């Protein structure tokens, strides 16, 4: 399965506790299901981030926004992740895309970009 955020295709979503990231650069999205029973395929974005090596996210609990993700999702069981792989990308390209996604969706766990 995959999701589209801002015309960008994200692989996933995967339950965060079972995600096995690839060692590629890319953008990632942290999501929750607002109503898992009535709308099991509807997701709400909580956070966008970027990495030059997504496999480093295996230690996602060390992310400074981890507590926000869990609080907003209600539990770790309702926290999902998806990734948009960007092989051969540079940090500036990922940052521009990240900023555009944050400005468009205004995720609650991202700090506002000014």
Protein backbone atom coordinates (compact mmCIF):
# COMPACT_ATOMS: atom_id res chain seq x y z
CA UNK A 1 0.00 0.00 0.00
CA UNK A 2 1.07 3.59 -0.40
CA UNK A 3 -0.24 7.05 0.38
CA UNK A 4 0.07 10.39 -1.35
CA UNK A 5 0.83 13.54 0.62
CA UNK A 6 1.13 16.68 -1.48
CA UNK A 7 1.48 14.76 -4.77
CA UNK A 8 4.40 12.80 -3.24
CA UNK A 9 4.08 9.02 -3.05
CA UNK A 10 4.96 7.51 0.34
CA UNK A 11 5.51 3.80 0.80
CA UNK A 12 3.45 2.45 3.66
CA UNK A 13 1.96 3.22 6.07
CA UNK A 14 3.50 0.68 8.42
CA UNK A 15 2.97 0.30 12.16
CA UNK A 16 5.94 2.16 13.58
CA UNK A 17 6.89 -0.67 15.90
CA UNK A 18 7.28 -3.06 12.93
CA UNK A 19 8.88 -0.76 10.38
CA UNK A 20 12.13 -1.94 8.79
CA UNK A 21 13.59 1.06 6.97
CA UNK A 22 15.98 0.91 4.05
CA UNK A 23 19.31 2.70 4.17
CA UNK A 24 18.33 5.38 1.66
CA UNK A 25 17.88 9.11 1.99
CA UNK A 26 14.31 10.36 2.01
CA UNK A 27 11.37 12.03 3.64
CA UNK A 28 9.23 10.22 6.20
CA UNK A 29 5.73 10.80 7.48
CA UNK A 30 4.41 9.91 10.94
CA UNK A 31 0.66 9.30 10.97
CA UNK A 32 -2.23 8.06 13.05
CA UNK A 33 -5.59 6.54 12.22
CA UNK A 34 -8.22 8.95 13.54
CA UNK A 35 -10.90 6.21 13.53
CA UNK A 36 -9.48 2.74 12.96
CA UNK A 37 -12.90 1.06 13.07
CA UNK A 38 -15.07 3.27 10.87
CA UNK A 39 -12.30 4.47 8.52
CA UNK A 40 -9.47 1.89 8.64
CA UNK A 41 -7.67 3.34 5.60
CA UNK A 42 -7.78 6.99 6.63
CA UNK A 43 -4.64 8.52 8.09
CA UNK A 44 -3.90 11.88 9.67
CA UNK A 45 -0.40 13.35 9.39
CA UNK A 46 1.40 14.13 12.66
CA UNK A 47 4.96 14.84 11.53
CA UNK A 48 7.22 15.04 8.49
CA UNK A 49 10.96 14.50 8.76
CA UNK A 50 13.94 13.84 6.53
CA UNK A 51 17.04 11.71 6.76
CA UNK A 52 20.09 10.95 4.70
CA UNK A 53 19.78 7.35 5.96
CA UNK A 54 16.28 6.18 6.86
CA UNK A 55 17.67 3.04 8.54
CA UNK A 56 18.85 5.34 11.33
CA UNK A 57 15.18 5.74 12.23
CA UNK A 58 15.21 2.28 13.76
CA UNK A 59 15.88 4.22 16.94
CA UNK A 60 12.84 6.45 16.34
CA UNK A 61 12.21 6.65 20.10
CA UNK A 62 15.19 8.98 20.33
CA UNK A 63 13.54 11.51 17.99
CA UNK A 64 12.83 14.73 19.88
CA UNK A 65 9.20 14.61 18.69
CA UNK A 66 8.54 10.96 19.64
CA UNK A 67 6.50 11.89 22.71
CA UNK A 68 4.33 14.19 20.58
CA UNK A 69 3.71 11.39 18.07
CA UNK A 70 2.56 8.99 20.77
CA UNK A 71 0.48 11.59 22.61
CA UNK A 72 -1.32 12.68 19.43
CA UNK A 73 -1.82 9.11 18.17
CA UNK A 74 -3.09 7.94 21.57
CA UNK A 75 -0.63 5.02 21.70
CA UNK A 76 2.32 3.49 19.92
CA UNK A 77 -0.12 0.95 18.45
CA UNK A 78 -1.84 3.75 16.51
CA UNK A 79 1.38 5.32 15.24
CA UNK A 80 2.32 4.67 11.61
CA UNK A 81 5.18 5.62 9.34
CA UNK A 82 5.62 5.96 5.61
CA UNK A 83 8.64 6.95 3.53
CA UNK A 84 9.36 8.68 0.25
CA UNK A 85 12.77 7.38 -0.85
CA UNK A 86 15.02 9.92 -2.53
CA UNK A 87 18.17 8.10 -3.63
CA UNK A 88 20.87 10.39 -4.99
CA UNK A 89 19.22 13.42 -3.36
CA UNK A 90 21.13 16.08 -1.52
CA UNK A 91 20.15 17.59 1.85
CA UNK A 92 18.96 20.84 0.24
CA UNK A 93 16.52 19.04 -2.06
CA UNK A 94 15.09 17.02 0.85
CA UNK A 95 14.83 20.14 3.00
CA UNK A 96 12.89 22.05 0.30
CA UNK A 97 10.43 19.17 -0.06
CA UNK A 98 10.14 18.81 3.71
CA UNK A 99 9.41 22.51 4.16
CA UNK A 100 6.76 22.43 1.42
CA UNK A 101 5.02 19.45 3.03
CA UNK A 102 5.08 21.07 6.47
CA UNK A 103 3.70 24.35 5.13
CA UNK A 104 0.94 22.53 3.25
CA UNK A 105 -0.20 20.09 5.94
CA UNK A 106 0.88 21.87 9.15
CA UNK A 107 1.47 18.68 11.16
CA UNK A 108 0.96 19.21 14.86
CA UNK A 109 4.31 17.68 15.84
CA UNK A 110 6.43 19.81 13.48
CA UNK A 111 7.66 23.18 14.59
CA UNK A 112 6.34 25.94 12.41
CA UNK A 113 8.76 26.97 9.68
CA UNK A 114 9.03 30.72 9.41
